[in-house]
Protein backbone atom coordinates (compact mmCIF):
# COMPACT_ATOMS: atom_id res chain seq x y z
CA MET A 1 81.05 107.86 103.89
CA VAL A 2 84.75 107.61 103.21
CA PHE A 3 84.71 111.31 102.30
CA ALA A 4 83.54 112.18 105.80
CA LEU A 5 86.77 110.79 107.23
CA PRO A 6 89.84 112.97 107.45
CA ALA A 7 92.51 111.71 105.06
CA GLU A 8 95.21 112.20 107.65
CA GLY A 9 95.41 113.13 111.27
CA ARG A 10 95.78 111.86 114.77
CA LEU A 11 92.55 109.88 114.67
CA PHE A 12 94.14 107.09 112.65
CA ASP A 13 97.42 105.24 112.74
CA GLU A 14 99.53 104.76 109.59
CA ARG A 15 97.83 101.48 108.64
CA GLU A 16 94.34 102.93 109.00
CA SER A 17 95.32 106.07 107.08
CA ALA A 18 96.69 103.92 104.25
CA VAL A 19 93.44 101.94 104.05
CA ILE A 20 91.37 105.13 104.03
CA ALA A 21 93.58 106.59 101.31
CA LEU A 22 93.05 103.48 99.17
CA ALA A 23 89.28 103.55 99.67
CA ARG A 24 89.10 107.27 98.91
CA GLU A 25 91.27 107.05 95.79
CA LEU A 26 89.51 103.97 94.43
CA THR A 27 86.14 105.64 94.99
CA GLU A 28 87.16 108.94 93.42
CA THR A 29 89.13 107.70 90.43
CA THR A 30 88.49 103.94 90.05
CA ARG A 31 92.28 103.58 89.70
CA LEU A 32 95.00 103.38 92.30
CA SER A 33 98.28 105.19 92.05
CA ASP A 34 101.45 103.21 92.61
CA ALA A 35 102.14 105.36 95.66
CA THR A 36 98.81 104.48 97.30
CA TRP A 37 99.16 100.80 96.42
CA ASP A 38 102.71 100.67 97.82
CA ARG A 39 101.63 102.51 100.96
CA VAL A 40 98.82 100.09 101.82
CA ARG A 41 100.85 97.06 100.70
CA ALA A 42 103.32 97.81 103.48
CA PHE A 43 100.59 96.95 106.00
CA LEU A 44 98.42 94.27 104.36
CA ASP A 45 99.14 90.84 102.92
CA GLU A 46 97.75 89.71 99.55
CA ARG A 47 94.55 88.25 100.99
CA GLN A 48 93.83 91.41 102.96
CA LEU A 49 94.51 93.56 99.88
CA VAL A 50 92.07 91.52 97.80
CA ASP A 51 89.45 91.67 100.56
CA LEU A 52 89.89 95.43 100.89
CA VAL A 53 89.65 96.17 97.16
CA VAL A 54 86.65 93.84 96.75
CA ASN A 55 84.85 95.45 99.68
CA VAL A 56 85.53 98.99 98.47
CA GLY A 57 84.33 97.97 94.99
CA LEU A 58 81.17 96.34 96.35
CA ALA A 59 80.40 99.36 98.51
CA ASN A 60 80.78 101.61 95.47
CA LEU A 61 78.58 99.31 93.37
CA ASN A 62 75.93 99.27 96.08
CA ASN A 63 76.02 103.05 96.42
CA ARG A 64 75.68 103.59 92.67
CA PHE A 65 72.93 101.00 92.31
CA THR A 66 70.97 102.37 95.26
CA HIS A 67 71.34 105.92 94.01
CA ALA A 68 70.16 104.98 90.51
CA PHE A 69 66.97 103.36 91.84
CA TRP A 70 66.37 105.59 94.85
CA THR A 71 62.72 106.11 95.63
CA GLU A 72 61.14 108.09 98.39
CA VAL A 73 59.87 106.01 101.27
CA PRO A 74 56.40 107.08 102.40
CA GLU A 75 56.02 108.30 105.98
CA GLU A 76 53.58 105.51 106.72
CA ALA A 77 53.41 102.27 104.83
CA PRO A 78 49.98 101.62 103.32
CA PRO A 79 48.03 98.77 104.92
CA ALA A 80 48.71 95.40 103.38
């Protein structure tokens, strides 16, 4: 869903835009540029940075895992 968000714009302040940029870059490339890291580091402390990177990583893991094992859900569940 991070790709549905505009990277920049009036919807988000500088802190929010930095967090979105980190999530987008980590999702697209699995690596962060120094520029993105420095940008988000200006707004978050070490604990918040770890929490953010862990949560982005877990969301990406969940998305990849779910996609790999995706099955169609029947319209109506069969009776138990």
